[in-house]
Protein backbone atom coordinates (compact mmCIF):
# COMPACT_ATOMS: atom_id res chain seq x y z
CA MET A 1 181.77 -4.93 -18.31
CA ALA A 2 184.70 -4.99 -15.89
CA ALA A 3 187.16 -7.85 -16.14
CA PRO A 4 186.89 -10.40 -13.31
CA SER A 5 189.39 -9.99 -10.50
CA ARG A 6 189.61 -13.74 -9.89
CA GLU A 7 189.83 -16.83 -12.10
CA TYR A 8 189.30 -20.50 -11.36
CA LEU A 9 191.81 -22.71 -13.15
CA TYR A 10 191.21 -26.43 -13.28
CA GLY A 11 193.02 -29.68 -14.01
CA ILE A 12 195.84 -31.37 -12.12
CA ASN A 13 198.74 -30.46 -14.44
CA PRO A 14 197.64 -26.83 -14.89
CA LEU A 15 197.53 -26.43 -11.10
CA PHE A 16 201.03 -27.82 -10.68
CA GLU A 17 202.47 -25.60 -13.41
CA THR A 18 200.63 -22.44 -12.36
CA VAL A 19 202.00 -22.68 -8.85
CA ARG A 20 205.51 -23.64 -10.03
CA ALA A 21 205.70 -20.77 -12.50
CA GLY A 22 204.69 -18.17 -9.91
CA LYS A 23 203.47 -15.87 -12.65
CA ARG A 24 200.20 -14.94 -10.98
CA LYS A 25 198.91 -14.69 -7.45
CA VAL A 26 197.29 -17.84 -6.08
CA TYR A 27 194.64 -17.60 -3.37
CA GLU A 28 193.21 -21.04 -2.65
CA ALA A 29 192.87 -24.58 -4.00
CA PHE A 30 189.80 -26.83 -3.98
CA LEU A 31 190.27 -30.59 -4.19
CA ASN A 32 187.77 -33.42 -4.51
CA GLN A 33 187.36 -34.98 -1.10
CA ALA A 34 186.28 -38.29 -2.68
CA THR A 35 189.55 -38.76 -4.61
CA ILE A 36 192.09 -37.10 -2.32
CA GLN A 37 193.73 -40.45 -1.55
CA GLN A 38 194.51 -41.21 -5.18
CA PRO A 39 198.26 -40.93 -5.92
CA ARG A 40 198.19 -37.87 -8.21
CA MET A 41 195.73 -36.02 -6.01
CA ALA A 42 197.70 -36.84 -2.88
CA LYS A 43 200.87 -35.59 -4.58
CA LEU A 44 199.11 -32.36 -5.56
CA ALA A 45 197.79 -31.88 -2.03
CA ARG A 46 201.29 -32.30 -0.57
CA PHE A 47 202.72 -29.89 -3.13
CA LEU A 48 200.13 -27.23 -2.35
CA GLU A 49 200.78 -27.65 1.36
CA GLN A 50 204.53 -27.20 0.79
CA GLN A 51 203.77 -24.00 -1.13
CA GLN A 52 201.58 -22.81 1.75
CA ILE A 53 198.46 -22.56 -0.40
CA PRO A 54 195.19 -23.06 1.52
CA VAL A 55 193.32 -26.20 0.45
CA SER A 56 189.60 -26.89 0.85
CA LEU A 57 188.20 -30.38 0.37
CA VAL A 58 184.86 -30.18 -1.43
CA ASP A 59 182.49 -32.42 -3.40
CA LYS A 60 182.35 -32.69 -7.18
CA HIS A 61 179.29 -30.43 -7.39
CA ARG A 62 181.20 -27.55 -5.80
CA LEU A 63 184.12 -28.17 -8.15
CA PHE A 64 181.78 -27.95 -11.14
CA GLU A 65 180.30 -24.70 -9.82
CA LEU A 66 183.79 -23.18 -9.59
CA ALA A 67 185.28 -24.53 -12.82
CA ARG A 68 182.08 -24.45 -14.88
CA SER A 69 183.44 -27.53 -16.58
CA LYS A 70 183.38 -31.28 -16.04
CA GLU A 71 187.06 -31.43 -17.03
CA HIS A 72 188.33 -30.27 -13.64
CA GLN A 73 189.89 -33.67 -12.68
CA GLY A 74 188.99 -32.97 -9.07
CA ALA A 75 191.21 -29.89 -8.74
CA VAL A 76 190.45 -26.15 -8.99
CA LEU A 77 192.72 -23.19 -8.21
CA LYS A 78 191.56 -19.67 -7.38
CA THR A 79 193.99 -17.16 -8.88
CA ALA A 80 194.40 -13.61 -10.12
CA PRO A 81 193.74 -13.08 -13.86
CA TYR A 82 196.46 -13.92 -16.35
CA PRO A 83 199.14 -11.17 -16.44
CA TYR A 84 199.64 -10.28 -20.10
CA GLN A 85 202.73 -8.46 -21.26
CA SER A 86 202.80 -5.62 -23.77
CA PHE A 87 203.92 -6.28 -27.33
CA ASP A 88 206.80 -3.86 -26.81
CA GLU A 89 208.05 -6.14 -24.01
CA VAL A 90 207.78 -9.23 -26.21
CA LEU A 91 209.26 -7.61 -29.32
CA GLY A 92 212.89 -8.58 -29.71
CA CYS A 93 212.49 -12.30 -29.03
CA PRO A 94 214.00 -14.22 -31.96
CA ARG A 95 210.86 -16.33 -32.46
CA LEU A 96 207.36 -14.87 -32.18
CA LEU A 97 204.04 -16.57 -32.91
CA LEU A 98 200.92 -14.67 -34.00
CA LEU A 99 197.51 -16.35 -33.88
CA ASP A 100 195.19 -14.71 -36.39
CA ASN A 101 191.52 -15.76 -36.40
CA VAL A 102 192.17 -18.86 -34.28
CA GLU A 103 188.78 -18.87 -32.57
CA ASP A 104 188.71 -22.27 -30.84
CA PRO A 105 190.12 -22.19 -27.26
CA THR A 106 191.16 -25.83 -27.66
CA ASN A 107 193.38 -24.92 -30.62
CA VAL A 108 194.79 -21.91 -28.78
CA GLY A 109 195.72 -24.07 -25.79
CA GLY A 110 197.28 -26.76 -27.97
CA ILE A 111 199.31 -24.20 -29.90
CA ILE A 112 200.60 -22.61 -26.70
CA ARG A 113 201.67 -26.03 -25.42
CA SER A 114 203.63 -26.67 -28.63
CA ALA A 115 205.09 -23.16 -28.53
CA ASP A 116 206.55 -23.78 -25.10
CA ILE A 117 208.00 -27.15 -26.15
CA PHE A 118 209.67 -25.72 -29.27
CA GLY A 119 211.11 -22.61 -27.64
CA VAL A 120 208.96 -19.77 -28.94
CA GLY A 121 209.93 -16.50 -27.27
CA GLY A 122 206.50 -14.88 -27.22
CA ILE A 123 202.92 -15.30 -28.38
CA CYS A 124 200.75 -12.53 -29.84
CA LEU A 125 196.99 -12.77 -29.40
CA PRO A 126 194.92 -10.14 -31.24
CA VAL A 127 192.46 -8.12 -29.17
CA LYS A 128 189.64 -9.49 -31.35
CA GLY A 129 189.01 -12.82 -33.05
CA THR A 130 191.14 -15.02 -30.77
CA PRO A 131 190.38 -16.16 -27.21
CA GLY A 132 192.45 -14.87 -24.34
CA ILE A 133 194.13 -17.04 -21.71
CA TYR A 134 190.88 -18.41 -20.31
CA PRO A 135 190.87 -21.31 -17.81
CA SER A 136 189.84 -23.64 -20.65
CA VAL A 137 192.92 -22.54 -22.61
CA VAL A 138 195.16 -23.09 -19.58
CA LYS A 139 193.72 -26.60 -19.21
CA VAL A 140 194.49 -27.63 -22.80
CA ALA A 141 197.91 -25.97 -22.63
CA ALA A 142 198.67 -28.03 -19.49
CA GLY A 143 199.81 -24.81 -17.82
CA ALA A 144 202.41 -23.93 -20.50
CA CYS A 145 200.98 -20.41 -20.82
CA GLU A 146 202.25 -19.67 -17.31
CA TYR A 147 205.84 -19.83 -18.62
CA LEU A 148 205.48 -17.89 -21.88
CA PRO A 149 205.36 -14.14 -22.48
CA ILE A 150 201.94 -13.55 -24.07
CA CYS A 151 200.60 -10.20 -25.23
CA ARG A 152 197.08 -9.17 -26.14
CA ASP A 153 197.15 -5.46 -26.83
CA CYS A 154 197.10 -5.02 -30.64
CA THR A 155 195.21 -6.14 -33.71
CA ALA A 156 196.82 -8.81 -35.89
CA ASN A 157 197.71 -6.22 -38.52
CA THR A 158 199.33 -3.95 -35.95
CA TYR A 159 201.45 -6.82 -34.61
CA PHE A 160 202.49 -7.52 -38.20
CA ARG A 161 203.43 -3.91 -38.96
CA LYS A 162 205.45 -3.50 -35.77
CA ALA A 163 207.26 -6.81 -36.28
CA ARG A 164 208.17 -5.95 -39.87
CA ALA A 165 209.47 -2.54 -38.74
CA ALA A 166 211.62 -4.34 -36.15
CA GLY A 167 213.25 -6.53 -38.80
CA TYR A 168 211.24 -9.75 -38.50
CA THR A 169 210.81 -12.11 -41.42
CA VAL A 170 207.11 -12.97 -41.57
CA VAL A 171 205.98 -16.46 -42.58
CA ALA A 172 202.23 -17.08 -42.74
CA LEU A 173 200.72 -20.55 -43.04
CA ASP A 174 198.08 -21.07 -45.70
CA GLY A 175 196.89 -24.21 -47.48
CA LYS A 176 197.40 -22.50 -50.85
CA GLY A 177 200.79 -21.04 -50.02
CA GLN A 178 203.39 -20.75 -52.76
CA HIS A 179 206.23 -22.09 -50.61
CA ASP A 180 206.76 -25.58 -49.21
CA LEU A 181 207.16 -25.06 -45.47
CA THR A 182 209.71 -27.87 -45.18
CA ALA A 183 211.93 -26.20 -47.80
CA LEU A 184 212.03 -22.79 -46.13
CA PRO A 185 215.14 -22.03 -44.04
CA LEU A 186 213.07 -21.01 -41.00
CA ALA A 187 215.91 -21.64 -38.58
CA ASP A 188 218.17 -19.32 -40.56
CA PHE A 189 216.00 -16.25 -40.09
CA GLU A 190 217.49 -14.07 -37.36
CA ARG A 191 214.03 -12.88 -36.34
CA LEU A 192 210.92 -14.84 -37.31
CA LEU A 193 207.23 -14.02 -36.89
CA LEU A 194 205.18 -17.13 -37.68
CA VAL A 195 201.49 -16.47 -38.35
CA ILE A 196 198.89 -19.20 -37.85
CA GLY A 197 195.29 -18.83 -39.05
CA GLY A 198 192.11 -20.50 -37.90
CA GLU A 199 190.06 -23.27 -39.47
CA ASP A 200 186.96 -21.24 -40.34
CA LYS A 201 188.94 -18.08 -41.05
CA SER A 202 192.51 -18.24 -42.28
CA VAL A 203 195.21 -15.63 -41.87
CA GLY A 204 193.82 -12.19 -42.75
CA GLN A 205 194.20 -10.93 -46.30
CA PHE A 206 196.38 -7.96 -45.39
CA ILE A 207 199.01 -10.24 -43.82
CA LEU A 208 198.74 -12.71 -46.71
CA ASN A 209 199.40 -9.87 -49.13
CA GLU A 210 202.34 -8.42 -47.23
CA ALA A 211 204.10 -11.41 -45.60
CA ASP A 212 207.57 -12.40 -46.79
CA TYR A 213 206.51 -16.01 -47.33
CA ILE A 214 203.13 -17.76 -47.60
CA ALA A 215 203.89 -21.37 -46.75
CA ARG A 216 201.89 -24.57 -47.07
CA ILE A 217 202.44 -27.86 -45.27
CA PRO A 218 202.84 -30.69 -47.83
CA MET A 219 200.54 -33.64 -47.17
CA ARG A 220 200.52 -37.23 -48.33
CA GLY A 221 196.98 -38.30 -47.42
CA ARG A 222 193.57 -37.81 -48.96
CA VAL A 223 192.27 -35.52 -46.20
CA ASN A 224 193.44 -32.14 -47.42
CA SER A 225 193.53 -30.11 -44.22
CA LEU A 226 195.00 -30.00 -40.72
CA ASN A 227 193.55 -28.30 -37.69
CA ALA A 228 195.26 -25.14 -36.51
CA SER A 229 196.96 -26.75 -33.52
CA VAL A 230 198.51 -29.58 -35.53
CA ALA A 231 199.62 -27.22 -38.31
CA ALA A 232 201.22 -24.91 -35.76
CA GLY A 233 203.05 -27.82 -34.13
CA ILE A 234 204.55 -28.88 -37.46
CA ALA A 235 205.63 -25.34 -38.30
CA LEU A 236 207.12 -24.77 -34.85
CA PHE A 237 209.06 -28.03 -35.11
CA CYS A 238 210.52 -26.89 -38.44
CA ALA A 239 211.45 -23.50 -36.98
CA ALA A 240 213.16 -25.14 -34.01
CA GLN A 241 215.67 -27.11 -36.10
CA PRO A 242 219.33 -26.04 -36.16
CA PRO A 243 220.27 -23.52 -38.88
CA GLY A 244 220.76 -25.10 -42.29
CA SER A 245 218.87 -28.28 -41.41
CA ASN A 246 215.42 -27.75 -42.95
CA SER A 247 216.43 -29.26 -46.27
CA ARG A 248 216.83 -32.65 -44.59
CA PHE A 249 213.03 -32.98 -44.40
CA GLY A 250 212.90 -33.51 -48.15
CA ARG A 251 210.01 -32.51 -50.37
CA PHE A 252 206.75 -34.15 -51.37
CA SER A 253 206.01 -35.10 -54.95
CA PRO A 254 202.68 -36.43 -56.24
CA ASP A 255 202.15 -39.91 -57.66
CA ARG A 256 198.99 -41.65 -58.78
CA GLY A 257 197.66 -45.07 -57.97
CA SER A 258 196.07 -47.52 -60.39
CA ALA A 259 192.66 -45.86 -60.01
CA GLY A 260 194.10 -42.42 -60.68
CA THR A 261 193.83 -41.37 -57.03
CA PRO A 262 196.58 -38.95 -55.97
CA ARG A 263 199.10 -40.87 -53.91
CA PRO A 264 201.88 -38.50 -52.86
CA THR A 265 205.35 -39.85 -52.27
CA PHE A 266 208.23 -38.50 -50.23
CA SER A 267 211.64 -37.94 -51.75
CA PRO A 268 214.83 -36.98 -49.89
């Protein structure tokens, strides 16, 4: 099946950021005629007019037909498909992020949003097992994907092999990892490939076997897992700290309450 030649992005912030970034061609905007006088919608309409983008006022039913989602917030943008870059173009950025088996578009969007905030140079999406930059991903990412170099032309293992050959230190997140993430000197690695796995499927076994570090996020609470987006945000925050600063996070050590329930404590 041929890839679609047009996409319909939705959500007020994604529309603003898509147009500002100028990464893809924009054809037309559709705004809810019933809410056009509301402050955010009016601001968006003025912005689109300034950018000389045609605007059609339509009802909510038409917006749903275009977006195929109720999360459109009264705004839909007709654009060209997302312009991926090749991995060879992304390779060389000091900080790369690989999503391996992250199947939920909501997690992918959230991770991309965090990646932009914490200065990741490029994101690697495998050709299988991880969603592409769909409109639903753009919505959750609040348009951040329009600013980041994102590639989708290799398998996860191929990304890994090429990154290792290019001198990257590879850190993979796993709940059973041998290394405390907060104790690793992530900021000191000249080139870092951070690998995030999904919730149903973790990072693939080949990468877990070959990575330089398998890191876990220490946790204090009784719920023993984080979703992929939250875990990625924590790891990206650690990697964004100035060199030599990771040790300031301290390390977790377990304690037990009166009933014998694990009650972790935090020590500097």
